[in-house]
Each structure stands twice: as structure tokens, then as C-alpha cells.
Amino acid sequence: MNDLIEYNGHTIESTTKRVDDREWTLEVRITPTGDDTDVRRCRAPNTYATKRAAVANSLAFGRQIVDGKLQPRK
């Protein structure tokens, strides 16, 4: 699974981390295309058993933020 996608004028990158040797976090970095100064780092309390699931959900989370459907924690 790719940890980085281009979506609606933004680069969305999963920045998931392993915690407690069992779970992976839901974290994402969102950068408008062509503007490296306006980086948003967002996370949620969700955790996942595999890195693959965490990456997939992080990217979906990022798409929802770009679409204005979520107001994430920073």
C-alpha cells in the first residue's frame, strides 16, 4: 500500500506510527500541491492492528479532511 496520494490539489501522506508493539495510529500530513509551507498534521484516537489498515484509514481520513467533511484534532 502506498503511504502517499495526490487528492483534490493536495498531497496526503500517512504518518502512522506503531504503539505498544500491537497497534498503529491514525495520523496524516496534508499539504496543498505546490505549497510546502501550509502543512497540516492531523490525527485521531483510532488505532489499528496492522500498518496496512492504519495507512488505508489514514488516507481516507485525509480525503475527508480535504473534502471538508471532518474537522480533525491537530
Protein backbone atom coordinates (compact mmCIF):
# COMPACT_ATOMS: atom_id res chain seq x y z
CA MET A 1 0.00 0.00 0.00
CA ASN A 2 1.27 3.44 -0.92
CA ASP A 3 1.62 5.84 2.03
CA LEU A 4 1.16 8.92 -0.18
CA ILE A 5 -1.59 10.05 -2.58
CA GLU A 6 -2.48 13.15 -4.57
CA TYR A 7 -6.10 14.21 -3.98
CA ASN A 8 -8.03 17.35 -5.00
CA GLY A 9 -4.97 19.59 -5.13
CA HIS A 10 -3.34 18.15 -2.01
CA THR A 11 -0.71 15.60 -1.12
CA ILE A 12 -1.95 13.31 1.61
CA GLU A 13 0.66 11.23 3.42
CA SER A 14 0.01 8.63 6.09
CA THR A 15 2.36 9.18 9.03
CA THR A 16 1.09 6.28 11.13
CA LYS A 17 3.27 5.06 14.00
CA ARG A 18 3.40 1.82 15.91
CA VAL A 19 2.38 1.96 19.57
CA ASP A 20 2.62 -0.72 22.26
CA ASP A 21 4.02 -3.25 19.73
CA ARG A 22 0.41 -4.13 18.86
CA GLU A 23 -1.34 -1.20 17.26
CA TRP A 24 -0.84 1.52 14.66
CA THR A 25 -2.04 5.12 14.97
CA LEU A 26 -4.25 7.16 12.64
CA GLU A 27 -2.11 10.12 11.56
CA VAL A 28 -1.84 12.07 8.34
CA ARG A 29 0.03 15.04 6.87
CA ILE A 30 -1.84 17.16 4.29
CA THR A 31 -0.01 19.62 2.05
CA PRO A 32 -1.58 21.74 -0.72
CA THR A 33 0.10 20.98 -4.04
CA GLY A 34 2.90 23.49 -4.62
CA ASP A 35 2.78 24.96 -1.10
CA ASP A 36 5.15 23.26 1.32
CA THR A 37 4.57 25.96 3.95
CA ASP A 38 0.89 25.16 4.67
CA VAL A 39 1.32 21.63 6.06
CA ARG A 40 -1.46 20.27 8.28
CA ARG A 41 -0.74 17.36 10.61
CA CYS A 42 -3.90 15.66 11.78
CA ARG A 43 -4.64 12.64 13.94
CA ALA A 44 -7.48 10.74 15.55
CA PRO A 45 -7.56 8.41 18.56
CA ASN A 46 -8.29 5.36 16.38
CA THR A 47 -5.76 2.53 16.32
CA TYR A 48 -5.42 -0.49 14.02
CA ALA A 49 -3.92 -3.95 14.33
CA THR A 50 -1.93 -3.70 11.10
CA LYS A 51 0.06 -0.99 9.38
CA ARG A 52 -1.86 -1.67 6.15
CA ALA A 53 -5.20 -0.92 7.85
CA ALA A 54 -3.77 2.19 9.53
CA VAL A 55 -2.41 3.55 6.24
CA ALA A 56 -5.67 2.90 4.37
CA ASN A 57 -7.73 4.57 7.10
CA SER A 58 -5.28 7.48 7.43
CA LEU A 59 -5.54 8.23 3.71
CA ALA A 60 -9.35 8.00 3.84
CA PHE A 61 -9.28 10.33 6.88
CA GLY A 62 -7.13 12.78 4.90
CA ARG A 63 -9.55 12.74 1.95
CA GLN A 64 -12.45 13.54 4.30
CA ILE A 65 -10.48 16.49 5.73
CA VAL A 66 -9.68 17.84 2.27
CA ASP A 67 -13.36 17.48 1.32
CA GLY A 68 -14.37 19.47 4.43
CA LYS A 69 -16.30 16.57 5.96
CA LEU A 70 -14.15 16.43 9.12
CA GLN A 71 -12.59 18.97 11.47
CA PRO A 72 -9.68 16.98 12.90
CA ARG A 73 -7.59 17.40 16.01
CA LYS A 74 -4.19 18.87 15.35
